[in-house]
Amino acid sequence: MATKPRRFNPSFYYHIYNRGVDGRNLFNSDKDYQRFLDTVGFYLHNQTISYAQFQELNAQARTAYIQLNPKGLRTLRVRMLAYCIMPNHFHLLIKPTESANLTQFVSDITNSYTKYFNIKNGRVGRFVQGTFKSKEIADEPSLLQVSRYIHLNPISSSKTNPKSWLKKPDDYPYSSYAAWVGKSHDSLIDHDELKLWLRSSRGAEKYRRFVEAKINNNPALGIENLVLEN
């Protein structure tokens, strides 16, 4: 039986979650994390070739490709507001620009990364769970709560590992938290959207306090309906 297409409203943000099959690690090195982030950045825009094909182009060919596809490369498929990439799963907070874009976007990044990982590690078959989980974020308070939950994922995980060096979400390099608190300019994030949400939370420093106030508590408390791991 054919799977019914999933439809997403371009007016809303969505919390997207996916993990490795059987809970396996998706990322084993800094190179793996960076490859995934680069893949996400590539597919944020409309493309006419795959990321693997783009990687094979020399500098001159890449320039020619960009010049031949200027409109597509200026067109965002989704708007990224927050993310956190963990060893065996990832969280994205994104808004589709069209109803069908979100599903294809997630498919493109996971298929591309799976191909890279399989070639690198001499394996075959599915590596990321086939169907990603999603929750519509219907209002402003929920979005800020979910963004906090996403950014505190590394801290929550480190609580089960007494030897972990993580003390604050700033310490984790594979999330958008540094951009939210004004410590970096993250090219994956839609900064126009981020400015609007930071205005809602009364600025980057207020947002930092909002997030760090939850470090010693359960970051999912009160938003269990928006948490996707279980």
Protein backbone atom coordinates (compact mmCIF):
# COMPACT_ATOMS: atom_id res chain seq x y z
CA MET A 1 0.00 0.00 0.00
CA ALA A 2 1.35 3.43 -0.92
CA THR A 3 2.31 5.72 1.94
CA LYS A 4 0.12 8.79 2.25
CA PRO A 5 2.23 11.91 1.58
CA ARG A 6 2.99 13.96 4.66
CA ARG A 7 1.87 17.56 4.39
CA PHE A 8 3.39 20.40 6.34
CA ASN A 9 2.02 23.91 6.72
CA PRO A 10 4.47 26.62 5.56
CA SER A 11 3.07 28.91 8.26
CA PHE A 12 4.45 26.78 11.10
CA TYR A 13 7.75 25.56 12.45
CA TYR A 14 8.27 21.85 13.05
CA HIS A 15 10.42 19.94 15.51
CA ILE A 16 12.08 17.20 13.44
CA TYR A 17 13.85 14.22 14.97
CA ASN A 18 15.55 11.16 13.56
CA ARG A 19 18.05 8.61 14.81
CA GLY A 20 20.30 5.79 13.69
CA VAL A 21 18.75 2.38 13.15
CA ASP A 22 18.82 0.30 16.35
CA GLY A 23 20.13 3.36 18.20
CA ARG A 24 23.49 3.14 16.44
CA ASN A 25 25.79 6.14 16.37
CA LEU A 26 25.42 8.27 13.27
CA PHE A 27 28.61 10.23 13.90
CA ASN A 28 31.95 8.80 15.00
CA SER A 29 34.28 11.73 14.35
CA ASP A 30 34.40 15.48 13.89
CA LYS A 31 34.60 14.83 10.15
CA ASP A 32 31.29 12.95 10.28
CA TYR A 33 29.55 15.78 12.13
CA GLN A 34 30.93 18.36 9.72
CA ARG A 35 29.90 16.30 6.71
CA PHE A 36 26.33 16.15 7.99
CA LEU A 37 26.23 19.89 8.70
CA ASP A 38 27.67 20.66 5.26
CA THR A 39 25.05 18.38 3.72
CA VAL A 40 22.28 20.21 5.56
CA GLY A 41 23.64 23.54 4.36
CA PHE A 42 23.77 22.34 0.76
CA TYR A 43 20.17 21.10 0.71
CA LEU A 44 18.70 24.17 2.39
CA HIS A 45 18.54 25.54 -1.16
CA ASN A 46 17.14 24.08 -4.36
CA GLN A 47 19.79 21.97 -6.09
CA THR A 48 19.97 20.22 -9.44
CA ILE A 49 22.75 17.80 -8.42
CA SER A 50 23.44 15.78 -5.29
CA TYR A 51 25.89 16.86 -2.61
CA ALA A 52 28.13 13.90 -3.47
CA GLN A 53 28.26 15.10 -7.09
CA PHE A 54 28.98 18.66 -5.95
CA GLN A 55 31.87 17.40 -3.82
CA GLU A 56 33.45 15.80 -6.88
CA LEU A 57 33.52 19.09 -8.83
CA ASN A 58 36.71 21.12 -8.96
CA ALA A 59 36.66 24.81 -8.05
CA GLN A 60 36.03 25.93 -11.64
CA ALA A 61 33.16 23.47 -12.11
CA ARG A 62 31.58 24.51 -8.80
CA THR A 63 31.66 28.14 -9.88
CA ALA A 64 30.06 27.21 -13.21
CA TYR A 65 27.33 25.21 -11.43
CA ILE A 66 26.51 28.13 -9.16
CA GLN A 67 26.37 30.53 -12.12
CA LEU A 68 24.04 28.19 -14.02
CA ASN A 69 21.63 27.82 -11.09
CA PRO A 70 21.48 31.29 -9.48
CA LYS A 71 17.71 31.38 -8.92
CA GLY A 72 17.56 27.91 -7.40
CA LEU A 73 20.45 28.58 -5.05
CA ARG A 74 18.75 31.75 -3.81
CA THR A 75 15.53 29.86 -3.11
CA LEU A 76 15.26 28.36 0.35
CA ARG A 77 13.47 25.03 0.67
CA VAL A 78 13.21 25.34 4.45
CA ARG A 79 14.10 27.93 7.06
CA MET A 80 16.30 26.59 9.84
CA LEU A 81 15.87 28.12 13.27
CA ALA A 82 17.65 25.66 15.58
CA TYR A 83 19.42 22.32 15.51
CA CYS A 84 21.45 19.93 17.61
CA ILE A 85 23.39 16.99 16.21
CA MET A 86 23.99 14.24 18.78
CA PRO A 87 26.02 11.02 18.35
CA ASN A 88 23.02 8.82 17.50
CA HIS A 89 20.27 11.29 16.60
CA PHE A 90 19.55 14.82 15.46
CA HIS A 91 17.02 17.57 16.15
CA LEU A 92 16.00 20.27 13.69
CA LEU A 93 13.61 23.18 14.20
CA ILE A 94 12.58 24.19 10.70
CA LYS A 95 9.82 25.80 8.67
CA PRO A 96 9.08 24.65 5.10
CA THR A 97 8.72 27.30 2.42
CA GLU A 98 6.21 25.06 0.63
CA SER A 99 4.10 22.22 1.99
CA ALA A 100 6.03 19.44 0.25
CA ASN A 101 9.54 20.73 0.82
CA LEU A 102 10.14 19.48 4.34
CA THR A 103 9.80 15.76 3.63
CA GLN A 104 12.07 15.92 0.59
CA PHE A 105 14.60 18.03 2.48
CA VAL A 106 14.92 15.49 5.31
CA SER A 107 15.08 12.66 2.78
CA ASP A 108 17.84 14.39 0.84
CA ILE A 109 20.07 15.02 3.86
CA THR A 110 19.65 11.56 5.37
CA ASN A 111 20.10 9.71 2.07
CA SER A 112 23.18 11.76 1.22
CA TYR A 113 24.75 11.24 4.63
CA THR A 114 23.95 7.51 4.60
CA LYS A 115 25.72 7.14 1.25
CA TYR A 116 28.78 8.95 2.63
CA PHE A 117 28.83 6.88 5.83
CA ASN A 118 28.34 3.56 4.05
CA ILE A 119 31.14 4.21 1.57
CA LYS A 120 33.46 5.39 4.34
CA ASN A 121 32.77 2.37 6.54
CA GLY A 122 32.33 -0.34 3.92
CA ARG A 123 28.73 -1.08 4.78
CA VAL A 124 25.44 -1.26 2.89
CA GLY A 125 21.80 -0.69 3.71
CA ARG A 126 19.75 1.74 5.69
CA PHE A 127 21.54 3.66 8.41
CA VAL A 128 19.03 6.31 9.49
CA GLN A 129 15.50 5.32 10.51
CA GLY A 130 13.22 5.49 7.50
CA THR A 131 10.48 7.77 8.83
CA PHE A 132 11.44 10.87 10.76
CA LYS A 133 9.30 12.12 13.62
CA SER A 134 7.78 15.59 13.56
CA LYS A 135 5.72 17.87 15.77
CA GLU A 136 4.05 21.09 14.68
CA ILE A 137 4.93 24.06 16.86
CA ALA A 138 1.71 26.01 17.13
CA ASP A 139 2.64 29.03 19.25
CA GLU A 140 5.49 31.25 20.41
CA PRO A 141 5.90 29.87 23.97
CA SER A 142 6.10 26.32 22.61
CA LEU A 143 8.74 27.28 20.06
CA LEU A 144 10.98 28.86 22.69
CA GLN A 145 10.52 25.85 24.97
CA VAL A 146 11.37 23.42 22.18
CA SER A 147 14.43 25.43 21.15
CA ARG A 148 15.62 25.25 24.77
CA TYR A 149 15.00 21.52 24.87
CA ILE A 150 16.99 21.06 21.65
CA HIS A 151 19.90 23.17 22.85
CA LEU A 152 20.05 21.35 26.20
CA ASN A 153 20.28 17.90 24.60
CA PRO A 154 24.07 17.68 25.09
CA ILE A 155 23.75 18.66 28.76
CA SER A 156 20.96 16.17 29.38
CA SER A 157 23.07 13.41 27.84
CA SER A 158 26.16 14.41 29.80
CA LYS A 159 24.29 13.93 33.08
CA THR A 160 24.44 10.17 32.46
CA ASN A 161 28.20 10.41 31.88
CA PRO A 162 30.01 11.74 34.99
CA LYS A 163 33.24 12.13 33.02
CA SER A 164 31.69 14.41 30.43
CA TRP A 165 33.38 17.78 29.98
CA LEU A 166 30.12 19.56 29.10
CA LYS A 167 29.05 22.14 31.63
CA LYS A 168 27.07 24.56 29.48
CA PRO A 169 25.43 24.27 26.05
CA ASP A 170 28.05 26.75 24.74
CA ASP A 171 30.61 23.96 25.07
CA TYR A 172 28.92 21.80 22.47
CA PRO A 173 30.08 22.55 18.90
CA TYR A 174 27.31 20.82 16.93
CA SER A 175 24.28 22.93 17.78
CA SER A 176 22.89 26.37 17.00
CA TYR A 177 23.04 27.56 20.60
CA ALA A 178 26.07 29.80 20.06
CA ALA A 179 24.16 31.68 17.33
CA TRP A 180 21.15 32.14 19.61
CA VAL A 181 23.26 33.70 22.37
CA GLY A 182 25.25 35.92 20.01
CA LYS A 183 28.58 34.07 20.16
CA SER A 184 28.76 33.10 16.49
CA HIS A 185 27.19 33.61 13.08
CA ASP A 186 25.87 30.22 12.00
CA SER A 187 25.33 30.01 8.24
CA LEU A 188 22.71 27.27 8.64
CA ILE A 189 20.38 29.51 10.63
CA ASP A 190 17.90 31.95 9.10
CA HIS A 191 19.10 35.02 10.95
CA ASP A 192 16.12 37.19 10.01
CA GLU A 193 13.85 34.65 11.68
CA LEU A 194 16.22 34.31 14.61
CA LYS A 195 16.14 38.06 15.24
CA LEU A 196 12.35 37.93 15.45
CA TRP A 197 12.39 35.13 18.00
CA LEU A 198 15.15 36.69 20.05
CA ARG A 199 13.07 39.85 20.17
CA SER A 200 10.24 37.72 21.54
CA SER A 201 12.52 36.35 24.24
CA ARG A 202 13.87 39.87 24.94
CA GLY A 203 17.34 39.38 23.53
CA ALA A 204 20.21 36.91 23.41
CA GLU A 205 21.23 37.33 27.05
CA LYS A 206 17.66 36.80 28.26
CA TYR A 207 17.47 33.69 26.11
CA ARG A 208 20.71 32.40 27.64
CA ARG A 209 19.27 32.81 31.12
CA PHE A 210 16.05 31.13 30.00
CA VAL A 211 18.02 28.11 28.74
CA GLU A 212 20.56 27.82 31.54
CA ALA A 213 17.89 28.12 34.23
CA LYS A 214 16.74 24.68 33.09
CA ILE A 215 20.12 22.95 33.27
CA ASN A 216 19.53 21.41 36.67
CA ASN A 217 15.98 20.33 35.80
CA ASN A 218 14.37 18.15 33.16
CA PRO A 219 14.41 20.25 29.94
CA ALA A 220 11.37 18.33 28.65
CA LEU A 221 9.25 19.10 31.71
CA GLY A 222 5.97 20.66 30.60
CA ILE A 223 6.51 20.02 26.88
CA GLU A 224 6.27 16.23 26.82
CA ASN A 225 3.83 16.46 23.90
CA LEU A 226 6.54 18.12 21.80
CA VAL A 227 9.37 15.73 22.67
CA LEU A 228 10.03 13.08 20.05
CA GLU A 229 12.60 10.58 21.31
CA ASN A 230 10.17 8.11 22.83
